[in-house]
Amino acid sequence: MPDSTTPKPARKLNPALSKPVQPDEILSAVIGSTPVSRGEMTKKLWEYIKKNGLQDQAKKTNINADEKLKAVFGGKSQVTMFEMTKLVSAHVK
């Protein structure tokens, strides 16, 4: 039985997620042009999605693209949250 007084080791952050990335022109139209960490980039994307009411009301895992996001999503008018991460990665350096 493990000793309950032993502290758990601190969870290590993934350095790739905290390293700043540079959004390209297309993504900059949505989140701004300054370099941000991937975590911050995702946060800014969600702020944009929520501010503009782009989360699908019937199926919350879907994002309905406006003109700016359609460019980021490669012309798709709707993507899932999981697709969004992959598609956005193509727009950072």
N, C-alpha and C. Protein backbone atom coordinates (compact mmCIF):
# COMPACT_ATOMS: atom_id res chain seq x y z
N MET A 1 0.84 -1.19 0.00
CA MET A 1 0.00 0.00 0.00
C MET A 1 0.89 1.24 0.00
N PRO A 2 0.66 2.20 -0.93
CA PRO A 2 1.52 3.39 -0.99
C PRO A 2 1.35 4.27 0.25
N ASP A 3 2.44 4.92 0.59
CA ASP A 3 2.45 5.82 1.74
C ASP A 3 1.72 7.11 1.35
N SER A 4 0.66 7.46 2.06
CA SER A 4 -0.15 8.63 1.71
C SER A 4 0.55 9.95 2.03
N THR A 5 1.66 9.92 2.77
CA THR A 5 2.37 11.15 3.09
C THR A 5 3.40 11.52 2.03
N THR A 6 3.69 10.59 1.11
CA THR A 6 4.66 10.86 0.05
C THR A 6 4.02 11.80 -0.97
N PRO A 7 4.65 12.96 -1.23
CA PRO A 7 4.06 13.87 -2.21
C PRO A 7 4.18 13.31 -3.62
N LYS A 8 3.17 13.62 -4.45
CA LYS A 8 3.20 13.19 -5.84
C LYS A 8 4.22 14.05 -6.58
N PRO A 9 4.92 13.48 -7.55
CA PRO A 9 5.87 14.30 -8.32
C PRO A 9 5.09 15.33 -9.14
N ALA A 10 5.67 16.53 -9.29
CA ALA A 10 5.02 17.59 -10.05
C ALA A 10 4.89 17.15 -11.51
N ARG A 11 3.77 17.47 -12.11
CA ARG A 11 3.52 17.13 -13.51
C ARG A 11 4.37 18.04 -14.39
N LYS A 12 5.10 17.44 -15.31
CA LYS A 12 5.97 18.23 -16.19
C LYS A 12 5.17 18.76 -17.37
N LEU A 13 5.40 20.03 -17.68
CA LEU A 13 4.74 20.63 -18.84
C LEU A 13 5.48 20.21 -20.10
N ASN A 14 4.73 20.03 -21.16
CA ASN A 14 5.32 19.70 -22.44
C ASN A 14 5.97 20.97 -23.00
N PRO A 15 7.31 20.96 -23.17
CA PRO A 15 7.97 22.18 -23.65
C PRO A 15 7.51 22.63 -25.04
N ALA A 16 7.05 21.70 -25.86
CA ALA A 16 6.56 22.06 -27.20
C ALA A 16 5.31 22.93 -27.13
N LEU A 17 4.50 22.74 -26.08
CA LEU A 17 3.27 23.52 -25.95
C LEU A 17 3.53 24.93 -25.43
N SER A 18 4.64 25.13 -24.74
CA SER A 18 4.91 26.46 -24.17
C SER A 18 5.86 27.28 -25.04
N LYS A 19 6.45 26.67 -26.06
CA LYS A 19 7.35 27.39 -26.96
C LYS A 19 6.54 28.29 -27.90
N PRO A 20 6.91 29.56 -28.01
CA PRO A 20 6.14 30.46 -28.90
C PRO A 20 6.23 30.04 -30.37
N VAL A 21 5.11 30.16 -31.06
CA VAL A 21 5.05 29.90 -32.50
C VAL A 21 4.53 31.17 -33.18
N GLN A 22 4.91 31.34 -34.44
CA GLN A 22 4.52 32.53 -35.20
C GLN A 22 3.35 32.18 -36.12
N PRO A 23 2.17 32.79 -35.89
CA PRO A 23 1.04 32.53 -36.80
C PRO A 23 1.29 33.16 -38.17
N ASP A 24 0.85 32.50 -39.24
CA ASP A 24 0.98 33.08 -40.57
C ASP A 24 -0.10 34.15 -40.76
N GLU A 25 -0.15 34.76 -41.95
CA GLU A 25 -1.10 35.86 -42.23
C GLU A 25 -2.55 35.43 -42.04
N ILE A 26 -2.87 34.22 -42.49
CA ILE A 26 -4.26 33.74 -42.43
C ILE A 26 -4.71 33.59 -40.98
N LEU A 27 -3.89 32.94 -40.15
CA LEU A 27 -4.23 32.74 -38.74
C LEU A 27 -4.15 34.05 -37.97
N SER A 28 -3.25 34.94 -38.37
CA SER A 28 -3.12 36.25 -37.71
C SER A 28 -4.40 37.06 -37.77
N ALA A 29 -5.20 36.86 -38.80
CA ALA A 29 -6.47 37.57 -38.94
C ALA A 29 -7.44 37.18 -37.82
N VAL A 30 -7.21 36.02 -37.20
CA VAL A 30 -8.09 35.54 -36.15
C VAL A 30 -7.51 35.79 -34.76
N ILE A 31 -6.21 35.46 -34.56
CA ILE A 31 -5.63 35.52 -33.21
C ILE A 31 -4.61 36.63 -33.01
N GLY A 32 -4.29 37.38 -34.05
CA GLY A 32 -3.26 38.41 -33.92
C GLY A 32 -1.94 37.91 -34.47
N SER A 33 -1.00 38.82 -34.70
CA SER A 33 0.24 38.45 -35.38
C SER A 33 1.44 38.22 -34.45
N THR A 34 1.27 38.41 -33.15
CA THR A 34 2.41 38.22 -32.25
C THR A 34 2.62 36.73 -31.95
N PRO A 35 3.87 36.30 -31.79
CA PRO A 35 4.14 34.89 -31.45
C PRO A 35 3.49 34.52 -30.11
N VAL A 36 2.86 33.37 -30.06
CA VAL A 36 2.20 32.88 -28.85
C VAL A 36 2.49 31.38 -28.69
N SER A 37 2.34 30.88 -27.48
CA SER A 37 2.49 29.44 -27.25
C SER A 37 1.29 28.73 -27.88
N ARG A 38 1.43 27.45 -28.11
CA ARG A 38 0.32 26.69 -28.69
C ARG A 38 -0.90 26.71 -27.77
N GLY A 39 -0.65 26.66 -26.48
CA GLY A 39 -1.75 26.72 -25.52
C GLY A 39 -2.49 28.04 -25.61
N GLU A 40 -1.74 29.14 -25.70
CA GLU A 40 -2.33 30.48 -25.82
C GLU A 40 -3.06 30.61 -27.16
N MET A 41 -2.49 30.01 -28.21
CA MET A 41 -3.12 30.06 -29.53
C MET A 41 -4.50 29.39 -29.48
N THR A 42 -4.57 28.22 -28.83
CA THR A 42 -5.84 27.51 -28.71
C THR A 42 -6.84 28.34 -27.90
N LYS A 43 -6.35 28.97 -26.85
CA LYS A 43 -7.21 29.81 -26.00
C LYS A 43 -7.79 30.98 -26.81
N LYS A 44 -6.93 31.63 -27.62
CA LYS A 44 -7.39 32.75 -28.44
C LYS A 44 -8.38 32.30 -29.50
N LEU A 45 -8.15 31.13 -30.08
CA LEU A 45 -9.10 30.59 -31.06
C LEU A 45 -10.46 30.38 -30.43
N TRP A 46 -10.48 29.78 -29.23
CA TRP A 46 -11.75 29.54 -28.56
C TRP A 46 -12.45 30.85 -28.17
N GLU A 47 -11.66 31.85 -27.78
CA GLU A 47 -12.27 33.16 -27.47
C GLU A 47 -12.96 33.70 -28.71
N TYR A 48 -12.30 33.60 -29.86
CA TYR A 48 -12.86 34.06 -31.13
C TYR A 48 -14.13 33.28 -31.48
N ILE A 49 -14.06 31.95 -31.34
CA ILE A 49 -15.20 31.09 -31.66
C ILE A 49 -16.40 31.44 -30.78
N LYS A 50 -16.17 31.59 -29.50
CA LYS A 50 -17.27 31.89 -28.56
C LYS A 50 -17.82 33.31 -28.77
N LYS A 51 -16.92 34.27 -28.97
CA LYS A 51 -17.34 35.66 -29.18
C LYS A 51 -18.23 35.80 -30.40
N ASN A 52 -17.95 35.01 -31.44
CA ASN A 52 -18.70 35.08 -32.69
C ASN A 52 -19.78 34.01 -32.82
N GLY A 53 -20.02 33.24 -31.75
CA GLY A 53 -21.07 32.23 -31.76
C GLY A 53 -20.89 31.16 -32.82
N LEU A 54 -19.66 30.68 -33.00
CA LEU A 54 -19.38 29.73 -34.07
C LEU A 54 -19.42 28.27 -33.65
N GLN A 55 -19.59 28.00 -32.36
CA GLN A 55 -19.72 26.62 -31.92
C GLN A 55 -21.11 26.13 -32.29
N ASP A 56 -21.19 24.99 -32.94
CA ASP A 56 -22.48 24.45 -33.38
C ASP A 56 -23.36 24.16 -32.18
N GLN A 57 -24.59 24.66 -32.20
CA GLN A 57 -25.50 24.50 -31.07
C GLN A 57 -26.02 23.07 -30.93
N ALA A 58 -26.23 22.39 -32.06
CA ALA A 58 -26.75 21.02 -32.03
C ALA A 58 -25.66 20.02 -31.62
N LYS A 59 -24.46 20.20 -32.15
CA LYS A 59 -23.35 19.30 -31.84
C LYS A 59 -22.16 20.15 -31.41
N LYS A 60 -21.97 20.27 -30.11
CA LYS A 60 -20.98 21.19 -29.54
C LYS A 60 -19.54 20.91 -29.95
N THR A 61 -19.24 19.71 -30.46
CA THR A 61 -17.87 19.40 -30.88
C THR A 61 -17.56 19.95 -32.27
N ASN A 62 -18.55 20.52 -32.93
CA ASN A 62 -18.34 21.09 -34.27
C ASN A 62 -18.19 22.60 -34.21
N ILE A 63 -17.33 23.12 -35.08
CA ILE A 63 -17.11 24.56 -35.21
C ILE A 63 -17.60 24.97 -36.59
N ASN A 64 -18.50 25.96 -36.66
CA ASN A 64 -18.97 26.52 -37.93
C ASN A 64 -18.08 27.69 -38.28
N ALA A 65 -17.46 27.63 -39.43
CA ALA A 65 -16.48 28.64 -39.82
C ALA A 65 -17.13 29.88 -40.42
N ASP A 66 -16.64 31.07 -39.99
CA ASP A 66 -16.98 32.30 -40.69
C ASP A 66 -15.90 32.45 -41.78
N GLU A 67 -15.88 33.58 -42.48
CA GLU A 67 -14.91 33.74 -43.58
C GLU A 67 -13.46 33.61 -43.12
N LYS A 68 -13.12 34.21 -41.97
CA LYS A 68 -11.73 34.14 -41.48
C LYS A 68 -11.34 32.71 -41.13
N LEU A 69 -12.22 32.01 -40.42
CA LEU A 69 -11.90 30.63 -40.04
C LEU A 69 -11.94 29.68 -41.23
N LYS A 70 -12.78 29.97 -42.21
CA LYS A 70 -12.84 29.13 -43.40
C LYS A 70 -11.47 29.11 -44.08
N ALA A 71 -10.79 30.25 -44.10
CA ALA A 71 -9.44 30.32 -44.68
C ALA A 71 -8.47 29.46 -43.85
N VAL A 72 -8.59 29.53 -42.53
CA VAL A 72 -7.73 28.74 -41.64
C VAL A 72 -8.02 27.25 -41.82
N PHE A 73 -9.28 26.89 -42.01
CA PHE A 73 -9.70 25.49 -42.12
C PHE A 73 -9.61 24.94 -43.54
N GLY A 74 -8.89 25.60 -44.40
CA GLY A 74 -8.69 25.10 -45.76
C GLY A 74 -9.96 25.09 -46.60
N GLY A 75 -10.86 26.05 -46.36
CA GLY A 75 -12.08 26.17 -47.15
C GLY A 75 -13.27 25.39 -46.59
N LYS A 76 -13.06 24.62 -45.53
CA LYS A 76 -14.17 23.86 -44.94
C LYS A 76 -15.08 24.80 -44.16
N SER A 77 -16.39 24.58 -44.27
CA SER A 77 -17.33 25.44 -43.55
C SER A 77 -17.64 24.92 -42.15
N GLN A 78 -17.30 23.65 -41.88
CA GLN A 78 -17.49 23.10 -40.54
C GLN A 78 -16.42 22.04 -40.28
N VAL A 79 -15.83 22.09 -39.09
CA VAL A 79 -14.84 21.09 -38.68
C VAL A 79 -15.13 20.67 -37.24
N THR A 80 -14.57 19.53 -36.83
CA THR A 80 -14.68 19.13 -35.44
C THR A 80 -13.56 19.79 -34.65
N MET A 81 -13.68 19.82 -33.33
CA MET A 81 -12.63 20.39 -32.49
C MET A 81 -11.29 19.71 -32.76
N PHE A 82 -11.35 18.41 -33.00
CA PHE A 82 -10.13 17.63 -33.20
C PHE A 82 -9.47 17.95 -34.54
N GLU A 83 -10.27 18.12 -35.58
CA GLU A 83 -9.76 18.54 -36.89
C GLU A 83 -9.16 19.93 -36.80
N MET A 84 -9.81 20.80 -36.03
CA MET A 84 -9.37 22.20 -35.91
C MET A 84 -7.90 22.27 -35.48
N THR A 85 -7.51 21.48 -34.49
CA THR A 85 -6.15 21.51 -33.99
C THR A 85 -5.15 21.17 -35.11
N LYS A 86 -5.47 20.15 -35.88
CA LYS A 86 -4.60 19.72 -36.98
C LYS A 86 -4.51 20.81 -38.07
N LEU A 87 -5.66 21.37 -38.43
CA LEU A 87 -5.70 22.37 -39.49
C LEU A 87 -4.99 23.66 -39.09
N VAL A 88 -5.11 24.05 -37.83
CA VAL A 88 -4.47 25.27 -37.34
C VAL A 88 -2.96 25.11 -37.31
N SER A 89 -2.47 23.91 -37.02
CA SER A 89 -1.03 23.65 -36.97
C SER A 89 -0.33 23.97 -38.28
N ALA A 90 -1.04 23.88 -39.38
CA ALA A 90 -0.47 24.19 -40.69
C ALA A 90 -0.20 25.68 -40.86
N HIS A 91 -0.73 26.51 -39.96
CA HIS A 91 -0.60 27.96 -40.09
C HIS A 91 0.37 28.59 -39.09
N VAL A 92 1.25 27.76 -38.52
CA VAL A 92 2.25 28.31 -37.59
C VAL A 92 3.65 27.90 -38.04
N LYS A 93 4.61 28.75 -37.66
CA LYS A 93 6.02 28.47 -38.02
C LYS A 93 6.80 28.20 -36.75
